[in-house]
C-alpha atoms as a PDB file:
ATOM      1  CA  MET A   1       4.020  12.209  -5.286  1.00  0.00           C
ATOM      2  CA  ALA A   2       0.298  11.520  -5.282  1.00  0.00           C
ATOM      3  CA  LEU A   3      -1.131   9.568  -8.189  1.00  0.00           C
ATOM      4  CA  THR A   4      -3.104  11.283 -10.928  1.00  0.00           C
ATOM      5  CA  ALA A   5      -3.267   8.164 -13.129  1.00  0.00           C
ATOM      6  CA  PRO A   6      -2.758   4.430 -12.647  1.00  0.00           C
ATOM      7  CA  ASN A   7       0.823   3.594 -11.700  1.00  0.00           C
ATOM      8  CA  THR A   8       2.996   1.458 -13.939  1.00  0.00           C
ATOM      9  CA  TRP A   9       4.619  -0.775 -11.341  1.00  0.00           C
ATOM     10  CA  THR A  10       5.056  -4.427 -12.298  1.00  0.00           C
ATOM     11  CA  TYR A  11       3.737  -6.867  -9.686  1.00  0.00           C
ATOM     12  CA  ARG A  12       4.668 -10.455  -8.962  1.00  0.00           C
ATOM     13  CA  PRO A  13       1.977 -12.177  -6.849  1.00  0.00           C
ATOM     14  CA  ARG A  14       2.900 -14.161  -3.775  1.00  0.00           C
ATOM     15  CA  GLY A  15       2.372 -17.862  -4.350  1.00  0.00           C
ATOM     16  CA  VAL A  16      -0.187 -18.967  -6.942  1.00  0.00           C
ATOM     17  CA  GLY A  17      -2.444 -15.994  -7.570  1.00  0.00           C
ATOM     18  CA  GLY A  18      -3.434 -13.428  -5.025  1.00  0.00           C
ATOM     19  CA  ASP A  19      -5.900 -12.754  -2.306  1.00  0.00           C
ATOM     20  CA  CYS A  20      -8.319  -9.954  -3.020  1.00  0.00           C
ATOM     21  CA  GLY A  21     -10.816  -8.194  -0.793  1.00  0.00           C
ATOM     22  CA  SER A  22     -13.224  -5.357  -1.562  1.00  0.00           C
ATOM     23  CA  PHE A  23     -13.528  -2.358   0.701  1.00  0.00           C
ATOM     24  CA  LEU A  24     -15.946   0.563   0.865  1.00  0.00           C
ATOM     25  CA  VAL A  25     -14.225   3.755  -0.382  1.00  0.00           C
ATOM     26  CA  GLN A  26     -14.164   6.924   1.702  1.00  0.00           C
ATOM     27  CA  ASN A  27     -16.286   9.842   0.460  1.00  0.00           C
ATOM     28  CA  ALA A  28     -14.595  11.905  -2.339  1.00  0.00           C
ATOM     29  CA  GLU A  29     -11.442   9.712  -2.243  1.00  0.00           C
ATOM     30  CA  VAL A  30     -10.022   9.052  -5.727  1.00  0.00           C
ATOM     31  CA  ILE A  31      -8.150   5.730  -5.737  1.00  0.00           C
ATOM     32  CA  TYR A  32      -6.146   4.790  -8.825  1.00  0.00           C
ATOM     33  CA  ASN A  33      -5.255   1.274  -9.931  1.00  0.00           C
ATOM     34  CA  GLY A  34      -2.042   0.234  -8.179  1.00  0.00           C
ATOM     35  CA  ALA A  35      -2.269   2.776  -5.352  1.00  0.00           C
ATOM     36  CA  LEU A  36      -1.080   1.735  -1.896  1.00  0.00           C
ATOM     37  CA  VAL A  37      -4.191   1.893   0.268  1.00  0.00           C
ATOM     38  CA  VAL A  38      -5.155   1.841   3.941  1.00  0.00           C
ATOM     39  CA  ILE A  39      -8.304   1.312   5.954  1.00  0.00           C
ATOM     40  CA  ASP A  40      -9.083   4.404   8.029  1.00  0.00           C
ATOM     41  CA  LYS A  41     -10.350   2.671  11.155  1.00  0.00           C
ATOM     42  CA  ALA A  42     -11.406   6.036  12.620  1.00  0.00           C
ATOM     43  CA  THR A  43     -14.242   6.032  10.043  1.00  0.00           C
ATOM     44  CA  GLY A  44     -15.408   2.557  11.034  1.00  0.00           C
ATOM     45  CA  THR A  45     -18.815   1.516  12.297  1.00  0.00           C
ATOM     46  CA  PRO A  46     -19.983  -1.703  13.914  1.00  0.00           C
ATOM     47  CA  ALA A  47     -20.877  -2.946  10.405  1.00  0.00           C
ATOM     48  CA  ILE A  48     -17.556  -2.135   8.678  1.00  0.00           C
ATOM     49  CA  GLU A  49     -13.944  -2.000   9.822  1.00  0.00           C
ATOM     50  CA  GLY A  50     -13.355   1.428   8.278  1.00  0.00           C
ATOM     51  CA  LEU A  51     -13.271   3.104   4.892  1.00  0.00           C
ATOM     52  CA  LEU A  52     -10.625   2.644   2.199  1.00  0.00           C
ATOM     53  CA  LYS A  53      -8.398   5.599   1.321  1.00  0.00           C
ATOM     54  CA  ASN A  54      -5.013   6.321  -0.236  1.00  0.00           C
ATOM     55  CA  LEU A  55      -2.011   5.923   2.021  1.00  0.00           C
ATOM     56  CA  ASP A  56      -0.475   9.302   2.846  1.00  0.00           C
ATOM     57  CA  ASP A  57       1.951  10.802   5.350  1.00  0.00           C
ATOM     58  CA  LEU A  58      -0.992  12.203   7.299  1.00  0.00           C
ATOM     59  CA  SER A  59      -2.335   8.704   7.913  1.00  0.00           C
ATOM     60  CA  GLY A  60      -2.924   8.334  11.608  1.00  0.00           C
ATOM     61  CA  THR A  61      -2.182   5.490  13.955  1.00  0.00           C
ATOM     62  CA  LEU A  62      -5.640   4.055  13.306  1.00  0.00           C
ATOM     63  CA  ASP A  63      -4.856   3.467   9.618  1.00  0.00           C
ATOM     64  CA  TRP A  64      -4.174  -0.121   8.565  1.00  0.00           C
ATOM     65  CA  PHE A  65      -2.204  -0.881   5.379  1.00  0.00           C
ATOM     66  CA  VAL A  66      -4.151  -3.424   3.321  1.00  0.00           C
ATOM     67  CA  GLY A  67      -2.450  -3.613  -0.097  1.00  0.00           C
ATOM     68  CA  THR A  68      -2.719  -2.275  -3.643  1.00  0.00           C
ATOM     69  CA  ALA A  69      -5.942  -1.047  -5.231  1.00  0.00           C
ATOM     70  CA  ARG A  70      -7.230  -3.063  -8.190  1.00  0.00           C
ATOM     71  CA  PRO A  71     -10.394  -1.323  -9.452  1.00  0.00           C
ATOM     72  CA  SER A  72     -11.919  -2.641 -12.670  1.00  0.00           C
ATOM     73  CA  THR A  73     -11.416   0.806 -14.246  1.00  0.00           C
ATOM     74  CA  ASN A  74      -8.400   3.153 -13.984  1.00  0.00           C
ATOM     75  CA  TYR A  75      -9.772   4.621 -10.754  1.00  0.00           C
ATOM     76  CA  VAL A  76     -12.759   4.824  -8.407  1.00  0.00           C
ATOM     77  CA  THR A  77     -14.166   7.836  -6.560  1.00  0.00           C
ATOM     78  CA  GLY A  78     -15.746   6.998  -3.243  1.00  0.00           C
ATOM     79  CA  ASP A  79     -19.052   8.188  -1.874  1.00  0.00           C
ATOM     80  CA  GLY A  80     -18.698   6.578   1.555  1.00  0.00           C
ATOM     81  CA  SER A  81     -21.708   4.340   1.097  1.00  0.00           C
ATOM     82  CA  SER A  82     -21.860   2.376  -2.173  1.00  0.00           C
ATOM     83  CA  VAL A  83     -18.496   2.452  -4.020  1.00  0.00           C
ATOM     84  CA  TRP A  84     -16.309  -0.581  -3.343  1.00  0.00           C
ATOM     85  CA  CYS A  85     -12.748  -1.129  -4.537  1.00  0.00           C
ATOM     86  CA  PRO A  86     -11.001  -4.503  -4.888  1.00  0.00           C
ATOM     87  CA  VAL A  87      -7.604  -4.647  -3.169  1.00  0.00           C
ATOM     88  CA  ASP A  88      -4.780  -7.167  -3.664  1.00  0.00           C
ATOM     89  CA  THR A  89      -4.084  -8.178  -0.068  1.00  0.00           C
ATOM     90  CA  SER A  90      -1.700 -11.030  -0.927  1.00  0.00           C
ATOM     91  CA  GLY A  91       1.519  -9.145  -0.200  1.00  0.00           C
ATOM     92  CA  PRO A  92       2.812  -9.074  -3.790  1.00  0.00           C
ATOM     93  CA  THR A  93       6.298  -8.004  -4.823  1.00  0.00           C
ATOM     94  CA  ILE A  94       6.648  -4.696  -6.656  1.00  0.00           C
ATOM     95  CA  VAL A  95       9.342  -5.391  -9.254  1.00  0.00           C
ATOM     96  CA  HIS A  96      12.190  -2.976 -10.062  1.00  0.00           C
ATOM     97  CA  VAL A  97      10.697  -0.014  -8.221  1.00  0.00           C
ATOM     98  CA  SER A  98      12.433   3.188  -7.165  1.00  0.00           C
ATOM     99  CA  VAL A  99      12.872   3.472  -3.391  1.00  0.00           C
ATOM    100  CA  ALA A 100      14.389   6.651  -1.968  1.00  0.00           C
ATOM    101  CA  GLY A 101      17.373   6.037   0.294  1.00  0.00           C
ATOM    102  CA  ILE A 102      18.409   2.603  -0.995  1.00  0.00           C
ATOM    103  CA  THR A 103      22.172   2.478  -1.441  1.00  0.00           C
ATOM    104  CA  ALA A 104      23.511  -1.072  -1.328  1.00  0.00           C
ATOM    105  CA  LYS A 105      22.847  -4.812  -1.350  1.00  0.00           C
ATOM    106  CA  PRO A 106      23.205  -5.122   2.441  1.00  0.00           C
ATOM    107  CA  GLN A 107      19.821  -3.391   2.706  1.00  0.00           C
ATOM    108  CA  ILE A 108      18.066  -6.546   1.468  1.00  0.00           C
ATOM    109  CA  GLY A 109      15.562  -7.428   4.185  1.00  0.00           C
ATOM    110  CA  ASP A 110      15.358  -3.851   5.499  1.00  0.00           C
ATOM    111  CA  LEU A 111      11.983  -2.202   5.946  1.00  0.00           C
ATOM    112  CA  VAL A 112      10.459  -0.083   3.186  1.00  0.00           C
ATOM    113  CA  TYR A 113       8.113   2.762   4.131  1.00  0.00           C
ATOM    114  CA  ALA A 114       5.502   4.631   2.099  1.00  0.00           C
ATOM    115  CA  THR A 115       4.952   8.370   2.347  1.00  0.00           C
ATOM    116  CA  ASP A 116       1.945   8.298   0.022  1.00  0.00           C
ATOM    117  CA  GLU A 117       0.143   5.921  -2.310  1.00  0.00           C
ATOM    118  CA  ASN A 118       2.968   6.001  -4.852  1.00  0.00           C
ATOM    119  CA  THR A 119       6.219   6.867  -3.017  1.00  0.00           C
ATOM    120  CA  LEU A 120       8.517   4.383  -1.271  1.00  0.00           C
ATOM    121  CA  THR A 121      11.456   5.237   0.989  1.00  0.00           C
ATOM    122  CA  MET A 122      13.936   3.597   3.354  1.00  0.00           C
ATOM    123  CA  THR A 123      13.464   6.413   5.906  1.00  0.00           C
ATOM    124  CA  PRO A 124      11.014   6.009   8.779  1.00  0.00           C
ATOM    125  CA  ALA A 125       9.245   9.175   9.874  1.00  0.00           C
ATOM    126  CA  SER A 126       6.238  10.266  11.895  1.00  0.00           C
ATOM    127  CA  ASN A 127       2.984   8.809  10.484  1.00  0.00           C
ATOM    128  CA  VAL A 128       4.874   6.923   7.733  1.00  0.00           C
ATOM    129  CA  LYS A 129       3.878   3.275   7.403  1.00  0.00           C
ATOM    130  CA  ALA A 130       6.241   0.322   6.931  1.00  0.00           C
ATOM    131  CA  VAL A 131       4.660  -1.492   3.991  1.00  0.00           C
ATOM    132  CA  GLY A 132       7.250  -4.120   3.051  1.00  0.00           C
ATOM    133  CA  VAL A 133      10.890  -5.171   2.814  1.00  0.00           C
ATOM    134  CA  VAL A 134      13.652  -4.996   0.233  1.00  0.00           C
ATOM    135  CA  GLU A 135      13.720  -8.358  -1.525  1.00  0.00           C
ATOM    136  CA  ARG A 136      16.249  -7.745  -4.307  1.00  0.00           C
ATOM    137  CA  TYR A 137      18.716  -4.955  -5.095  1.00  0.00           C
ATOM    138  CA  TYR A 138      19.381  -3.864  -8.701  1.00  0.00           C
ATOM    139  CA  ALA A 139      21.202  -0.546  -8.489  1.00  0.00           C
ATOM    140  CA  THR A 140      21.026   2.682  -6.543  1.00  0.00           C
ATOM    141  CA  THR A 141      17.329   3.440  -5.919  1.00  0.00           C
ATOM    142  CA  TYR A 142      15.956   0.314  -7.708  1.00  0.00           C
ATOM    143  CA  VAL A 143      14.826  -2.801  -5.842  1.00  0.00           C
ATOM    144  CA  ASP A 144      12.112  -5.432  -5.672  1.00  0.00           C
ATOM    145  CA  CYS A 145       9.895  -4.620  -2.688  1.00  0.00           C
ATOM    146  CA  LYS A 146       7.836  -7.393  -1.092  1.00  0.00           C
ATOM    147  CA  LEU A 147       4.733  -5.787   0.384  1.00  0.00           C
ATOM    148  CA  PHE A 148       3.285  -6.954   3.676  1.00  0.00           C
ATOM    149  CA  THR A 149      -0.105  -8.637   3.831  1.00  0.00           C
ATOM    150  CA  PRO A 150      -2.575  -6.773   6.059  1.00  0.00           C
ATOM    151  CA  MET A 151      -2.017  -9.309   8.848  1.00  0.00           C
ATOM    152  CA  GLU A 152       1.787  -9.066   8.586  1.00  0.00           C
ATOM    153  CA  CYS A 153       1.539  -5.304   8.711  1.00  0.00           C
ATOM    154  CA  MET A 154      -0.724  -5.370  11.735  1.00  0.00           C
ATOM    155  CA  ALA A 155       1.500  -7.856  13.574  1.00  0.00           C
ATOM    156  CA  PHE A 156       4.617  -5.860  12.724  1.00  0.00           C
ATOM    157  CA  GLN A 157       3.133  -2.563  13.933  1.00  0.00           C
ATOM    158  CA  ARG A 158       2.074  -4.104  17.236  1.00  0.00           C
ATOM    159  CA  GLY A 159       5.590  -5.433  17.776  1.00  0.00           C
END
């Protein structure tokens, strides 16, 4: 389900603190704090790699998962030219999060996919991005999910 307010996931950074980059936000895109975000490389120019937008199941093959949005307010609305959003690109762990399709401990290490900026699943599908792996199993549907860094995601998608 798409976000309409900041999500309440608990994050554990990788290592000591996290890497953060700022990206130009796509025109009219509303990005909430904690949203899973991608760079839409189809909107890129020689000066920028592409514009930041929410991850969704319509994301094309040119989209690149970069992390979780961390705006200084609850959300930002892009204008395509002057609104930037900080993104945690460190590959943090989302703690005790619901993931559709998780059923047992043997799924630790399995890929986790995102169907939008706030929904995780174990089921791959067309245009659905692998964003991390199951790190810890609590009970049916609840796990710790270690997100990929942008470079890990890119390397994984290229095989």
